[in-house]
Amino acid sequence: MRDDTQVLLTRRSLLAGCAAVSFGCAAVARGEEAGPMTSDKAGKLTIYSPAPPANPMHKLNLLLADVADERSPLPVLDIPPLALPQSITGIASNASHDRAAFWPIVTTVDFALARAGAGPDWHGYPRPCPDLKFVSRLYDVGFGIALWNGPVRGPDDLRGKRIAAPPRPSAVRLMTEVLLRDGWNILDEVTLVDMVPPAIAAAKAAGEIDGTSWNLVVPNATGYAAILPADLVAPEQFVPVDEAALARINGANQFTLAHTDLLDGAPPLLSFAQALAAWDEADPAQLTEMLTYIEAKGGALPGYPGSVEDMAIWPGLKSEAVHPVARSFFAAHGIDFQS
């Protein structure tokens, strides 16, 4: 049996290869109910990428499009950017036959919250979606906070500081508040400044912020790298996340996070891994084609799994949360999940 509750996603392992819910699981995006999303072309499959178009993570998600060709059960594959939670809540109320054509890419945080029907009112899932299931991990991301102007010793250095963070609603903002509140118990002693990444450099130069939270480390063509330019942030400026902080986060929330040490010279950060998910009624042939593609090509794609075992890495993953098609795929490779 597999138990990844306290899994450490190491640079070595990752580079080795580089609901019984009603259809009314309705959407609440920015406090408003979102109507059903429908496919505009018969046979079209849509995979929602939660990253903005210019973000390196969106470019990583677009690599899934290569699975579709004239010989594939996935002849038309669209991968538009659409943020969480809307990429889940906006399709959860669709009729079964249409919902099957929409697969969201999820984070470790959002996957668990969506299935449980949980989360804050500004980034939450109002009704449980237990028929949303895990298909395969795609790649890992190192999340944390970088603090400039002086050596970084630990989270106490953040007290009284102004930290840039995306405005609500945002999965990155949720991770930021979770880390500061539950991991370090200093949320009330830090000023979060609403800011999108393109504004960070100018704000730093103007002395308006003391640091930033973000997905600090992402895969690239040669391994892993800081997502922000080297003249803006360096690995030694990352605030380390120790085991005690990770345990406090997992004890206080309905999701399970893990450590990651993707980047040489950087302290441990929080894993903000990305995975492909699908609804129970997704087409088995399409799911099998996608799983087979990731197995065959993952090792050649930046950050993607280099083995079937790597495809199954997901903190706290239980058998009931794995799509039946994926569960059969993994079982055929000798991989079972904790029940």
C-alpha atoms as a PDB file:
ATOM      1  CA  MET A   1       0.000   0.000   0.000  1.00  0.00           C
ATOM      2  CA  ARG A   2       1.112   3.526  -0.742  1.00  0.00           C
ATOM      3  CA  ASP A   3       1.065   6.252   1.927  1.00  0.00           C
ATOM      4  CA  ASP A   4       2.430   9.603   0.720  1.00  0.00           C
ATOM      5  CA  THR A   5       1.096  11.633   3.646  1.00  0.00           C
ATOM      6  CA  GLN A   6       4.553  12.823   4.651  1.00  0.00           C
ATOM      7  CA  VAL A   7       6.297  12.279   1.314  1.00  0.00           C
ATOM      8  CA  LEU A   8       9.397  14.381   0.587  1.00  0.00           C
ATOM      9  CA  LEU A   9       9.518  15.279  -3.072  1.00  0.00           C
ATOM     10  CA  THR A  10      13.234  15.516  -3.659  1.00  0.00           C
ATOM     11  CA  ARG A  11      15.117  17.058  -6.523  1.00  0.00           C
ATOM     12  CA  ARG A  12      16.783  13.715  -7.176  1.00  0.00           C
ATOM     13  CA  SER A  13      13.532  11.757  -7.523  1.00  0.00           C
ATOM     14  CA  LEU A  14      11.876  14.364  -9.688  1.00  0.00           C
ATOM     15  CA  LEU A  15      14.827  14.886 -11.966  1.00  0.00           C
ATOM     16  CA  ALA A  16      15.286  11.168 -12.462  1.00  0.00           C
ATOM     17  CA  GLY A  17      12.804  11.321 -15.288  1.00  0.00           C
ATOM     18  CA  CYS A  18      13.879  14.983 -16.573  1.00  0.00           C
ATOM     19  CA  ALA A  19     -18.492  12.639  -6.899  1.00  0.00           C
ATOM     20  CA  ALA A  20     -21.390  10.811  -5.501  1.00  0.00           C
ATOM     21  CA  VAL A  21     -22.304  14.458  -5.372  1.00  0.00           C
ATOM     22  CA  SER A  22     -25.321  15.902  -7.139  1.00  0.00           C
ATOM     23  CA  PHE A  23     -24.799  17.798 -10.358  1.00  0.00           C
ATOM     24  CA  GLY A  24     -25.596  20.882  -8.309  1.00  0.00           C
ATOM     25  CA  CYS A  25     -22.025  21.077  -6.987  1.00  0.00           C
ATOM     26  CA  ALA A  26     -22.431  24.707  -7.939  1.00  0.00           C
ATOM     27  CA  ALA A  27     -19.879  27.400  -8.540  1.00  0.00           C
ATOM     28  CA  VAL A  28     -19.078  30.360  -6.422  1.00  0.00           C
ATOM     29  CA  ALA A  29     -16.491  32.587  -8.085  1.00  0.00           C
ATOM     30  CA  ARG A  30     -15.871  35.939  -6.404  1.00  0.00           C
ATOM     31  CA  GLY A  31     -19.061  35.317  -4.443  1.00  0.00           C
ATOM     32  CA  GLU A  32     -21.213  34.723  -7.523  1.00  0.00           C
ATOM     33  CA  GLU A  33     -22.698  31.526  -8.858  1.00  0.00           C
ATOM     34  CA  ALA A  34     -21.160  30.478 -12.153  1.00  0.00           C
ATOM     35  CA  GLY A  35     -23.310  28.832 -14.760  1.00  0.00           C
ATOM     36  CA  PRO A  36     -22.419  25.592 -16.504  1.00  0.00           C
ATOM     37  CA  MET A  37     -19.629  25.649 -19.074  1.00  0.00           C
ATOM     38  CA  THR A  38     -20.396  23.774 -22.246  1.00  0.00           C
ATOM     39  CA  SER A  39     -18.271  22.430 -25.046  1.00  0.00           C
ATOM     40  CA  ASP A  40     -18.698  24.276 -28.350  1.00  0.00           C
ATOM     41  CA  LYS A  41     -17.580  21.374 -30.500  1.00  0.00           C
ATOM     42  CA  ALA A  42     -18.598  17.735 -30.451  1.00  0.00           C
ATOM     43  CA  GLY A  43     -15.737  15.462 -29.461  1.00  0.00           C
ATOM     44  CA  LYS A  44     -13.707  18.308 -28.022  1.00  0.00           C
ATOM     45  CA  LEU A  45     -11.871  17.739 -24.754  1.00  0.00           C
ATOM     46  CA  THR A  46     -10.955  20.750 -22.619  1.00  0.00           C
ATOM     47  CA  ILE A  47      -8.208  20.661 -20.001  1.00  0.00           C
ATOM     48  CA  TYR A  48      -8.255  23.753 -17.818  1.00  0.00           C
ATOM     49  CA  SER A  49      -4.867  25.213 -16.926  1.00  0.00           C
ATOM     50  CA  PRO A  50      -5.026  27.174 -13.653  1.00  0.00           C
ATOM     51  CA  ALA A  51      -2.018  29.355 -14.545  1.00  0.00           C
ATOM     52  CA  PRO A  52      -2.203  32.694 -16.393  1.00  0.00           C
ATOM     53  CA  PRO A  53      -1.261  32.631 -20.116  1.00  0.00           C
ATOM     54  CA  ALA A  54       2.207  34.193 -19.671  1.00  0.00           C
ATOM     55  CA  ASN A  55       3.121  32.050 -16.673  1.00  0.00           C
ATOM     56  CA  PRO A  56       5.740  29.300 -17.218  1.00  0.00           C
ATOM     57  CA  MET A  57       3.360  26.830 -15.577  1.00  0.00           C
ATOM     58  CA  HIS A  58       0.784  27.407 -18.317  1.00  0.00           C
ATOM     59  CA  LYS A  59       3.421  26.563 -20.898  1.00  0.00           C
ATOM     60  CA  LEU A  60       4.105  23.324 -19.002  1.00  0.00           C
ATOM     61  CA  ASN A  61       0.398  22.510 -19.058  1.00  0.00           C
ATOM     62  CA  LEU A  62       0.240  23.073 -22.811  1.00  0.00           C
ATOM     63  CA  LEU A  63       2.627  20.129 -23.271  1.00  0.00           C
ATOM     64  CA  LEU A  64      -0.350  17.835 -22.725  1.00  0.00           C
ATOM     65  CA  ALA A  65      -1.711  18.920 -26.110  1.00  0.00           C
ATOM     66  CA  ASP A  66       0.899  16.813 -27.883  1.00  0.00           C
ATOM     67  CA  VAL A  67      -1.025  13.646 -26.997  1.00  0.00           C
ATOM     68  CA  ALA A  68      -3.776  14.513 -29.484  1.00  0.00           C
ATOM     69  CA  ASP A  69      -3.269  13.578 -33.134  1.00  0.00           C
ATOM     70  CA  GLU A  70      -5.195  11.876 -35.897  1.00  0.00           C
ATOM     71  CA  ARG A  71      -4.591   8.423 -34.374  1.00  0.00           C
ATOM     72  CA  SER A  72      -5.595   9.388 -30.846  1.00  0.00           C
ATOM     73  CA  PRO A  73      -8.929   9.069 -29.006  1.00  0.00           C
ATOM     74  CA  LEU A  74      -8.247  12.756 -28.212  1.00  0.00           C
ATOM     75  CA  PRO A  75      -8.590  14.316 -31.690  1.00  0.00           C
ATOM     76  CA  VAL A  76      -9.405  17.836 -30.472  1.00  0.00           C
ATOM     77  CA  LEU A  77      -7.746  19.029 -27.268  1.00  0.00           C
ATOM     78  CA  ASP A  78      -8.016  22.565 -25.924  1.00  0.00           C
ATOM     79  CA  ILE A  79      -6.006  23.825 -22.910  1.00  0.00           C
ATOM     80  CA  PRO A  80      -7.217  27.318 -22.018  1.00  0.00           C
ATOM     81  CA  PRO A  81      -6.163  29.162 -18.867  1.00  0.00           C
ATOM     82  CA  LEU A  82      -8.863  29.267 -16.192  1.00  0.00           C
ATOM     83  CA  ALA A  83      -8.135  29.822 -12.521  1.00  0.00           C
ATOM     84  CA  LEU A  84      -9.170  27.621  -9.659  1.00  0.00           C
ATOM     85  CA  PRO A  85     -11.721  27.241  -8.167  1.00  0.00           C
ATOM     86  CA  GLN A  86     -13.763  28.285 -11.226  1.00  0.00           C
ATOM     87  CA  SER A  87     -12.280  25.569 -13.430  1.00  0.00           C
ATOM     88  CA  ILE A  88     -13.934  23.065 -11.088  1.00  0.00           C
ATOM     89  CA  THR A  89     -17.005  24.855  -9.757  1.00  0.00           C
ATOM     90  CA  GLY A  90     -17.937  26.179 -13.191  1.00  0.00           C
ATOM     91  CA  ILE A  91     -18.320  22.682 -14.645  1.00  0.00           C
ATOM     92  CA  ALA A  92     -19.493  20.708 -11.623  1.00  0.00           C
ATOM     93  CA  SER A  93     -23.123  21.601 -12.338  1.00  0.00           C
ATOM     94  CA  ASN A  94     -22.968  20.411 -15.960  1.00  0.00           C
ATOM     95  CA  ALA A  95     -24.948  17.425 -17.131  1.00  0.00           C
ATOM     96  CA  SER A  96     -22.995  14.194 -16.870  1.00  0.00           C
ATOM     97  CA  HIS A  97     -22.335  13.741 -20.595  1.00  0.00           C
ATOM     98  CA  ASP A  98     -20.937  17.281 -20.949  1.00  0.00           C
ATOM     99  CA  ARG A  99     -18.956  17.331 -17.722  1.00  0.00           C
ATOM    100  CA  ALA A 100     -16.958  14.363 -18.980  1.00  0.00           C
ATOM    101  CA  ALA A 101     -15.361  16.624 -21.600  1.00  0.00           C
ATOM    102  CA  PHE A 102     -13.728  18.958 -19.040  1.00  0.00           C
ATOM    103  CA  TRP A 103     -10.660  17.936 -17.051  1.00  0.00           C
ATOM    104  CA  PRO A 104      -9.132  20.429 -14.590  1.00  0.00           C
ATOM    105  CA  ILE A 105      -5.485  20.631 -13.626  1.00  0.00           C
ATOM    106  CA  VAL A 106      -5.497  20.861  -9.833  1.00  0.00           C
ATOM    107  CA  THR A 107      -3.143  21.737  -6.999  1.00  0.00           C
ATOM    108  CA  THR A 108      -2.585  19.751  -3.818  1.00  0.00           C
ATOM    109  CA  VAL A 109      -4.694  22.333  -1.983  1.00  0.00           C
ATOM    110  CA  ASP A 110      -7.582  22.738  -4.411  1.00  0.00           C
ATOM    111  CA  PHE A 111      -8.048  19.038  -5.151  1.00  0.00           C
ATOM    112  CA  ALA A 112      -8.689  18.221  -1.503  1.00  0.00           C
ATOM    113  CA  LEU A 113     -10.857  21.303  -0.891  1.00  0.00           C
ATOM    114  CA  ALA A 114     -12.995  20.609  -3.961  1.00  0.00           C
ATOM    115  CA  ARG A 115     -13.658  17.014  -2.966  1.00  0.00           C
ATOM    116  CA  ALA A 116     -14.522  18.069   0.587  1.00  0.00           C
ATOM    117  CA  GLY A 117     -16.575  21.135  -0.333  1.00  0.00           C
ATOM    118  CA  ALA A 118     -14.371  23.382   1.796  1.00  0.00           C
ATOM    119  CA  GLY A 119     -12.189  26.470   1.728  1.00  0.00           C
ATOM    120  CA  PRO A 120     -12.599  30.150   2.606  1.00  0.00           C
ATOM    121  CA  ASP A 121     -15.518  32.029   1.067  1.00  0.00           C
ATOM    122  CA  TRP A 122     -13.128  33.844  -1.297  1.00  0.00           C
ATOM    123  CA  HIS A 123     -11.446  30.662  -2.542  1.00  0.00           C
ATOM    124  CA  GLY A 124     -13.704  27.782  -1.656  1.00  0.00           C
ATOM    125  CA  TYR A 125     -15.930  25.015  -2.906  1.00  0.00           C
ATOM    126  CA  PRO A 126     -19.476  25.370  -1.544  1.00  0.00           C
ATOM    127  CA  ARG A 127     -20.495  21.733  -2.099  1.00  0.00           C
ATOM    128  CA  PRO A 128     -18.475  18.507  -2.012  1.00  0.00           C
ATOM    129  CA  CYS A 129     -17.341  17.071  -5.346  1.00  0.00           C
ATOM    130  CA  PRO A 130     -16.224  13.534  -4.447  1.00  0.00           C
ATOM    131  CA  ASP A 131     -16.640  12.437  -8.072  1.00  0.00           C
ATOM    132  CA  LEU A 132     -13.661  14.587  -9.057  1.00  0.00           C
ATOM    133  CA  LYS A 133     -10.750  12.149  -9.146  1.00  0.00           C
ATOM    134  CA  PHE A 134      -6.965  12.137  -9.445  1.00  0.00           C
ATOM    135  CA  VAL A 135      -5.543  10.955 -12.773  1.00  0.00           C
ATOM    136  CA  SER A 136      -1.791  11.697 -12.685  1.00  0.00           C
ATOM    137  CA  ARG A 137       0.684  14.059 -11.109  1.00  0.00           C
ATOM    138  CA  LEU A 138       2.157  16.380 -13.725  1.00  0.00           C
ATOM    139  CA  TYR A 139       4.998  18.314 -12.055  1.00  0.00           C
ATOM    140  CA  ASP A 140       6.079  19.858  -8.788  1.00  0.00           C
ATOM    141  CA  VAL A 141       6.421  23.527  -7.860  1.00  0.00           C
ATOM    142  CA  GLY A 142       8.251  25.006  -4.886  1.00  0.00           C
ATOM    143  CA  PHE A 143       6.082  27.533  -3.036  1.00  0.00           C
ATOM    144  CA  GLY A 144       7.310  29.942  -0.403  1.00  0.00           C
ATOM    145  CA  ILE A 145       8.245  33.473   0.560  1.00  0.00           C
ATOM    146  CA  ALA A 146      11.397  35.338  -0.458  1.00  0.00           C
ATOM    147  CA  LEU A 147      12.719  38.157   1.704  1.00  0.00           C
ATOM    148  CA  TRP A 148      15.397  40.546   0.511  1.00  0.00           C
ATOM    149  CA  ASN A 149      17.595  43.133   2.269  1.00  0.00           C
ATOM    150  CA  GLY A 150      19.672  41.026   4.617  1.00  0.00           C
ATOM    151  CA  PRO A 151      20.382  37.379   5.461  1.00  0.00           C
ATOM    152  CA  VAL A 152      17.317  35.201   5.989  1.00  0.00           C
ATOM    153  CA  ARG A 153      17.463  33.186   9.202  1.00  0.00           C
ATOM    154  CA  GLY A 154      13.837  32.076   9.521  1.00  0.00           C
ATOM    155  CA  PRO A 155      10.191  33.162   9.616  1.00  0.00           C
ATOM    156  CA  ASP A 156      10.780  35.567  12.520  1.00  0.00           C
ATOM    157  CA  ASP A 157      12.545  37.797   9.977  1.00  0.00           C
ATOM    158  CA  LEU A 158       9.147  38.390   8.362  1.00  0.00           C
ATOM    159  CA  ARG A 159       7.648  40.171  11.365  1.00  0.00           C
ATOM    160  CA  GLY A 160       6.742  43.731  10.473  1.00  0.00           C
ATOM    161  CA  LYS A 161       7.565  43.233   6.811  1.00  0.00           C
ATOM    162  CA  ARG A 162       5.525  44.057   3.681  1.00  0.00           C
ATOM    163  CA  ILE A 163       5.132  40.989   1.494  1.00  0.00           C
ATOM    164  CA  ALA A 164       3.725  41.066  -2.026  1.00  0.00           C
ATOM    165  CA  ALA A 165       1.033  38.462  -2.699  1.00  0.00           C
ATOM    166  CA  PRO A 166      -1.635  38.047  -5.363  1.00  0.00           C
ATOM    167  CA  PRO A 167      -4.976  39.553  -4.394  1.00  0.00           C
ATOM    168  CA  ARG A 168      -7.870  37.338  -3.393  1.00  0.00           C
ATOM    169  CA  PRO A 169      -9.194  35.079  -4.889  1.00  0.00           C
ATOM    170  CA  SER A 170      -6.022  33.167  -5.671  1.00  0.00           C
ATOM    171  CA  ALA A 171      -4.584  29.748  -4.867  1.00  0.00           C
ATOM    172  CA  VAL A 172      -1.193  31.389  -4.294  1.00  0.00           C
ATOM    173  CA  ARG A 173      -2.790  33.878  -1.898  1.00  0.00           C
ATOM    174  CA  LEU A 174      -4.444  30.997  -0.047  1.00  0.00           C
ATOM    175  CA  MET A 175      -1.089  29.226   0.287  1.00  0.00           C
ATOM    176  CA  THR A 176       0.497  32.475   1.490  1.00  0.00           C
ATOM    177  CA  GLU A 177      -2.040  32.980   4.252  1.00  0.00           C
ATOM    178  CA  VAL A 178      -1.947  29.305   5.244  1.00  0.00           C
ATOM    179  CA  LEU A 179       1.853  29.390   5.573  1.00  0.00           C
ATOM    180  CA  LEU A 180       1.894  32.619   7.581  1.00  0.00           C
ATOM    181  CA  ARG A 181      -1.113  31.755   9.767  1.00  0.00           C
ATOM    182  CA  ASP A 182      -0.903  28.005  10.341  1.00  0.00           C
ATOM    183  CA  GLY A 183       2.751  27.287   9.645  1.00  0.00           C
ATOM    184  CA  TRP A 184       4.379  30.245  11.385  1.00  0.00           C
ATOM    185  CA  ASN A 185       1.599  31.950  13.392  1.00  0.00           C
ATOM    186  CA  ILE A 186       2.648  35.405  12.198  1.00  0.00           C
ATOM    187  CA  LEU A 187      -0.096  36.354   9.726  1.00  0.00           C
ATOM    188  CA  ASP A 188      -1.176  39.295  11.910  1.00  0.00           C
ATOM    189  CA  GLU A 189       2.409  40.560  12.077  1.00  0.00           C
ATOM    190  CA  VAL A 190       2.973  40.692   8.316  1.00  0.00           C
ATOM    191  CA  THR A 191       1.454  43.195   5.878  1.00  0.00           C
ATOM    192  CA  LEU A 192       0.312  41.479   2.684  1.00  0.00           C
ATOM    193  CA  VAL A 193       0.411  43.865  -0.259  1.00  0.00           C
ATOM    194  CA  ASP A 194      -1.936  42.920  -3.119  1.00  0.00           C
ATOM    195  CA  MET A 195       0.295  42.643  -6.172  1.00  0.00           C
ATOM    196  CA  VAL A 196       0.620  40.653  -9.389  1.00  0.00           C
ATOM    197  CA  PRO A 197       4.092  39.379 -10.400  1.00  0.00           C
ATOM    198  CA  PRO A 198       4.796  41.920 -13.180  1.00  0.00           C
ATOM    199  CA  ALA A 199       4.600  44.701 -10.586  1.00  0.00           C
ATOM    200  CA  ILE A 200       7.065  43.162  -8.129  1.00  0.00           C
ATOM    201  CA  ALA A 201      10.300  44.488  -9.646  1.00  0.00           C
ATOM    202  CA  ALA A 202       9.139  48.106  -9.707  1.00  0.00           C
ATOM    203  CA  ALA A 203       7.690  47.836  -6.195  1.00  0.00           C
ATOM    204  CA  LYS A 204      10.954  46.428  -4.870  1.00  0.00           C
ATOM    205  CA  ALA A 205      12.983  49.178  -6.558  1.00  0.00           C
ATOM    206  CA  ALA A 206      10.673  51.788  -5.053  1.00  0.00           C
ATOM    207  CA  GLY A 207      11.052  50.293  -1.572  1.00  0.00           C
ATOM    208  CA  GLU A 208       7.346  49.518  -1.352  1.00  0.00           C
ATOM    209  CA  ILE A 209       7.738  45.853  -0.408  1.00  0.00           C
ATOM    210  CA  ASP A 210      10.258  43.781   1.546  1.00  0.00           C
ATOM    211  CA  GLY A 211       9.650  40.455  -0.150  1.00  0.00           C
ATOM    212  CA  THR A 212       7.182  38.332  -2.062  1.00  0.00           C
ATOM    213  CA  SER A 213       5.347  35.053  -1.896  1.00  0.00           C
ATOM    214  CA  TRP A 214       5.002  32.998  -5.051  1.00  0.00           C
ATOM    215  CA  ASN A 215       5.606  29.701  -6.753  1.00  0.00           C
ATOM    216  CA  LEU A 216       9.301  30.392  -6.369  1.00  0.00           C
ATOM    217  CA  VAL A 217      10.717  27.316  -8.115  1.00  0.00           C
ATOM    218  CA  VAL A 218       9.354  25.783 -11.331  1.00  0.00           C
ATOM    219  CA  PRO A 219      10.573  23.227 -13.881  1.00  0.00           C
ATOM    220  CA  ASN A 220      12.409  24.369 -16.972  1.00  0.00           C
ATOM    221  CA  ALA A 221      14.204  22.709 -19.871  1.00  0.00           C
ATOM    222  CA  THR A 222      17.335  21.958 -17.846  1.00  0.00           C
ATOM    223  CA  GLY A 223      15.843  21.057 -14.460  1.00  0.00           C
ATOM    224  CA  TYR A 224      14.412  23.624 -12.055  1.00  0.00           C
ATOM    225  CA  ALA A 225      14.872  27.357 -11.674  1.00  0.00           C
ATOM    226  CA  ALA A 226      13.562  30.335  -9.746  1.00  0.00           C
ATOM    227  CA  ILE A 227      10.480  31.738 -11.458  1.00  0.00           C
ATOM    228  CA  LEU A 228      11.580  35.323 -10.786  1.00  0.00           C
ATOM    229  CA  PRO A 229      14.714  36.861 -12.364  1.00  0.00           C
ATOM    230  CA  ALA A 230      18.041  36.360 -10.568  1.00  0.00           C
ATOM    231  CA  ASP A 231      18.400  40.106  -9.984  1.00  0.00           C
ATOM    232  CA  LEU A 232      15.066  40.065  -8.146  1.00  0.00           C
ATOM    233  CA  VAL A 233      15.360  37.012  -5.908  1.00  0.00           C
ATOM    234  CA  ALA A 234      18.007  34.410  -5.066  1.00  0.00           C
ATOM    235  CA  PRO A 235      17.579  30.986  -3.399  1.00  0.00           C
ATOM    236  CA  GLU A 236      19.333  32.155  -0.228  1.00  0.00           C
ATOM    237  CA  GLN A 237      16.521  34.688   0.193  1.00  0.00           C
ATOM    238  CA  PHE A 238      13.861  31.975   0.484  1.00  0.00           C
ATOM    239  CA  VAL A 239      12.451  31.636   4.004  1.00  0.00           C
ATOM    240  CA  PRO A 240      12.902  27.965   5.065  1.00  0.00           C
ATOM    241  CA  VAL A 241       9.822  25.902   5.902  1.00  0.00           C
ATOM    242  CA  ASP A 242      10.740  23.340   8.555  1.00  0.00           C
ATOM    243  CA  GLU A 243       9.043  20.063   9.479  1.00  0.00           C
ATOM    244  CA  ALA A 244       7.231  21.606  12.436  1.00  0.00           C
ATOM    245  CA  ALA A 245       5.634  24.287  10.256  1.00  0.00           C
ATOM    246  CA  LEU A 246       4.573  21.662   7.713  1.00  0.00           C
ATOM    247  CA  ALA A 247       3.000  19.541  10.454  1.00  0.00           C
ATOM    248  CA  ARG A 248       1.085  22.530  11.795  1.00  0.00           C
ATOM    249  CA  ILE A 249      -0.259  23.333   8.331  1.00  0.00           C
ATOM    250  CA  ASN A 250      -1.417  19.776   7.732  1.00  0.00           C
ATOM    251  CA  GLY A 251      -2.972  19.567  11.183  1.00  0.00           C
ATOM    252  CA  ALA A 252      -4.993  22.737  10.678  1.00  0.00           C
ATOM    253  CA  ASN A 253      -6.366  22.121   7.184  1.00  0.00           C
ATOM    254  CA  GLN A 254      -8.349  19.640   5.076  1.00  0.00           C
ATOM    255  CA  PHE A 255      -5.472  19.131   2.673  1.00  0.00           C
ATOM    256  CA  THR A 256      -2.026  17.547   2.984  1.00  0.00           C
ATOM    257  CA  LEU A 257       1.112  19.327   1.834  1.00  0.00           C
ATOM    258  CA  ALA A 258       4.669  18.047   1.510  1.00  0.00           C
ATOM    259  CA  HIS A 259       8.164  19.490   1.458  1.00  0.00           C
ATOM    260  CA  THR A 260      10.132  19.948  -1.723  1.00  0.00           C
ATOM    261  CA  ASP A 261      13.819  20.699  -2.310  1.00  0.00           C
ATOM    262  CA  LEU A 262      13.865  21.127  -6.065  1.00  0.00           C
ATOM    263  CA  LEU A 263      16.548  23.791  -6.307  1.00  0.00           C
ATOM    264  CA  ASP A 264      20.178  23.416  -5.254  1.00  0.00           C
ATOM    265  CA  GLY A 265      21.170  25.975  -2.653  1.00  0.00           C
ATOM    266  CA  ALA A 266      17.579  26.675  -1.611  1.00  0.00           C
ATOM    267  CA  PRO A 267      16.016  25.705   1.727  1.00  0.00           C
ATOM    268  CA  PRO A 268      12.986  23.384   1.905  1.00  0.00           C
ATOM    269  CA  LEU A 269       9.825  24.925   0.496  1.00  0.00           C
ATOM    270  CA  LEU A 270       6.220  23.759   0.322  1.00  0.00           C
ATOM    271  CA  SER A 271       5.345  21.477  -2.557  1.00  0.00           C
ATOM    272  CA  PHE A 272       2.537  22.985  -4.618  1.00  0.00           C
ATOM    273  CA  ALA A 273       2.333  20.054  -7.008  1.00  0.00           C
ATOM    274  CA  GLN A 274       0.033  20.067 -10.035  1.00  0.00           C
ATOM    275  CA  ALA A 275      -2.006  17.078 -11.211  1.00  0.00           C
ATOM    276  CA  LEU A 276      -4.512  16.174 -13.868  1.00  0.00           C
ATOM    277  CA  ALA A 277      -7.980  15.350 -12.546  1.00  0.00           C
ATOM    278  CA  ALA A 278     -11.199  14.191 -14.203  1.00  0.00           C
ATOM    279  CA  TRP A 279     -14.783  13.426 -13.325  1.00  0.00           C
ATOM    280  CA  ASP A 280     -16.043   9.876 -12.823  1.00  0.00           C
ATOM    281  CA  GLU A 281     -17.831   9.885 -16.170  1.00  0.00           C
ATOM    282  CA  ALA A 282     -14.753  10.853 -18.218  1.00  0.00           C
ATOM    283  CA  ASP A 283     -14.184   8.651 -21.254  1.00  0.00           C
ATOM    284  CA  PRO A 284     -12.028   5.628 -20.269  1.00  0.00           C
ATOM    285  CA  ALA A 285     -10.288   5.464 -23.655  1.00  0.00           C
ATOM    286  CA  GLN A 286      -9.306   9.122 -23.444  1.00  0.00           C
ATOM    287  CA  LEU A 287      -8.018   8.757 -19.891  1.00  0.00           C
ATOM    288  CA  THR A 288      -6.030   5.670 -20.806  1.00  0.00           C
ATOM    289  CA  GLU A 289      -4.523   7.469 -23.808  1.00  0.00           C
ATOM    290  CA  MET A 290      -3.463  10.381 -21.605  1.00  0.00           C
ATOM    291  CA  LEU A 291      -1.965   8.139 -18.929  1.00  0.00           C
ATOM    292  CA  THR A 292      -0.076   6.156 -21.558  1.00  0.00           C
ATOM    293  CA  TYR A 293       1.254   9.386 -23.081  1.00  0.00           C
ATOM    294  CA  ILE A 294       2.516  10.686 -19.727  1.00  0.00           C
ATOM    295  CA  GLU A 295       4.137   7.320 -19.023  1.00  0.00           C
ATOM    296  CA  ALA A 296       5.882   7.282 -22.399  1.00  0.00           C
ATOM    297  CA  LYS A 297       6.822  10.948 -22.752  1.00  0.00           C
ATOM    298  CA  GLY A 298       6.981  12.318 -19.206  1.00  0.00           C
ATOM    299  CA  GLY A 299      10.708  11.812 -18.817  1.00  0.00           C
ATOM    300  CA  ALA A 300      11.347  14.027 -21.847  1.00  0.00           C
ATOM    301  CA  LEU A 301       9.083  16.860 -20.665  1.00  0.00           C
ATOM    302  CA  PRO A 302      10.315  19.476 -18.153  1.00  0.00           C
ATOM    303  CA  GLY A 303       9.361  18.438 -14.634  1.00  0.00           C
ATOM    304  CA  TYR A 304       6.941  15.729 -15.744  1.00  0.00           C
ATOM    305  CA  PRO A 305       7.051  12.250 -14.172  1.00  0.00           C
ATOM    306  CA  GLY A 306       9.869  10.026 -15.321  1.00  0.00           C
ATOM    307  CA  SER A 307       8.090   6.838 -14.288  1.00  0.00           C
ATOM    308  CA  VAL A 308       4.652   5.464 -13.470  1.00  0.00           C
ATOM    309  CA  GLU A 309       5.617   5.537  -9.811  1.00  0.00           C
ATOM    310  CA  ASP A 310       6.309   9.277 -10.073  1.00  0.00           C
ATOM    311  CA  MET A 311       2.914   9.746 -11.742  1.00  0.00           C
ATOM    312  CA  ALA A 312       1.290   8.445  -8.547  1.00  0.00           C
ATOM    313  CA  ILE A 313       3.097  10.749  -6.086  1.00  0.00           C
ATOM    314  CA  TRP A 314       0.536  12.957  -4.358  1.00  0.00           C
ATOM    315  CA  PRO A 315       0.526  13.806  -0.636  1.00  0.00           C
ATOM    316  CA  GLY A 316      -2.176  12.015   1.349  1.00  0.00           C
ATOM    317  CA  LEU A 317      -3.694  10.365  -1.724  1.00  0.00           C
ATOM    318  CA  LYS A 318      -6.227   7.632  -0.920  1.00  0.00           C
ATOM    319  CA  SER A 319      -7.641   4.979  -3.230  1.00  0.00           C
ATOM    320  CA  GLU A 320     -11.138   6.472  -3.291  1.00  0.00           C
ATOM    321  CA  ALA A 321      -9.750   9.754  -4.635  1.00  0.00           C
ATOM    322  CA  VAL A 322      -8.102   8.078  -7.648  1.00  0.00           C
ATOM    323  CA  HIS A 323     -10.107   7.789 -10.865  1.00  0.00           C
ATOM    324  CA  PRO A 324     -11.114   4.151 -11.504  1.00  0.00           C
ATOM    325  CA  VAL A 325      -9.372   4.199 -14.889  1.00  0.00           C
ATOM    326  CA  ALA A 326      -6.188   5.573 -13.317  1.00  0.00           C
ATOM    327  CA  ARG A 327      -6.457   3.121 -10.445  1.00  0.00           C
ATOM    328  CA  SER A 328      -6.529   0.229 -12.923  1.00  0.00           C
ATOM    329  CA  PHE A 329      -3.620   1.742 -14.846  1.00  0.00           C
ATOM    330  CA  PHE A 330      -1.500   2.048 -11.719  1.00  0.00           C
ATOM    331  CA  ALA A 331      -2.527  -1.392 -10.448  1.00  0.00           C
ATOM    332  CA  ALA A 332      -1.291  -2.905 -13.720  1.00  0.00           C
ATOM    333  CA  HIS A 333       2.115  -1.443 -12.830  1.00  0.00           C
ATOM    334  CA  GLY A 334       2.027  -2.833  -9.276  1.00  0.00           C
ATOM    335  CA  ILE A 335       1.009   0.437  -7.595  1.00  0.00           C
ATOM    336  CA  ASP A 336      -1.806   0.447  -5.039  1.00  0.00           C
ATOM    337  CA  PHE A 337      -3.056   3.285  -2.865  1.00  0.00           C
ATOM    338  CA  GLN A 338      -3.957   3.433   0.797  1.00  0.00           C
ATOM    339  CA  SER A 339      -7.677   2.923   1.350  1.00  0.00           C
END
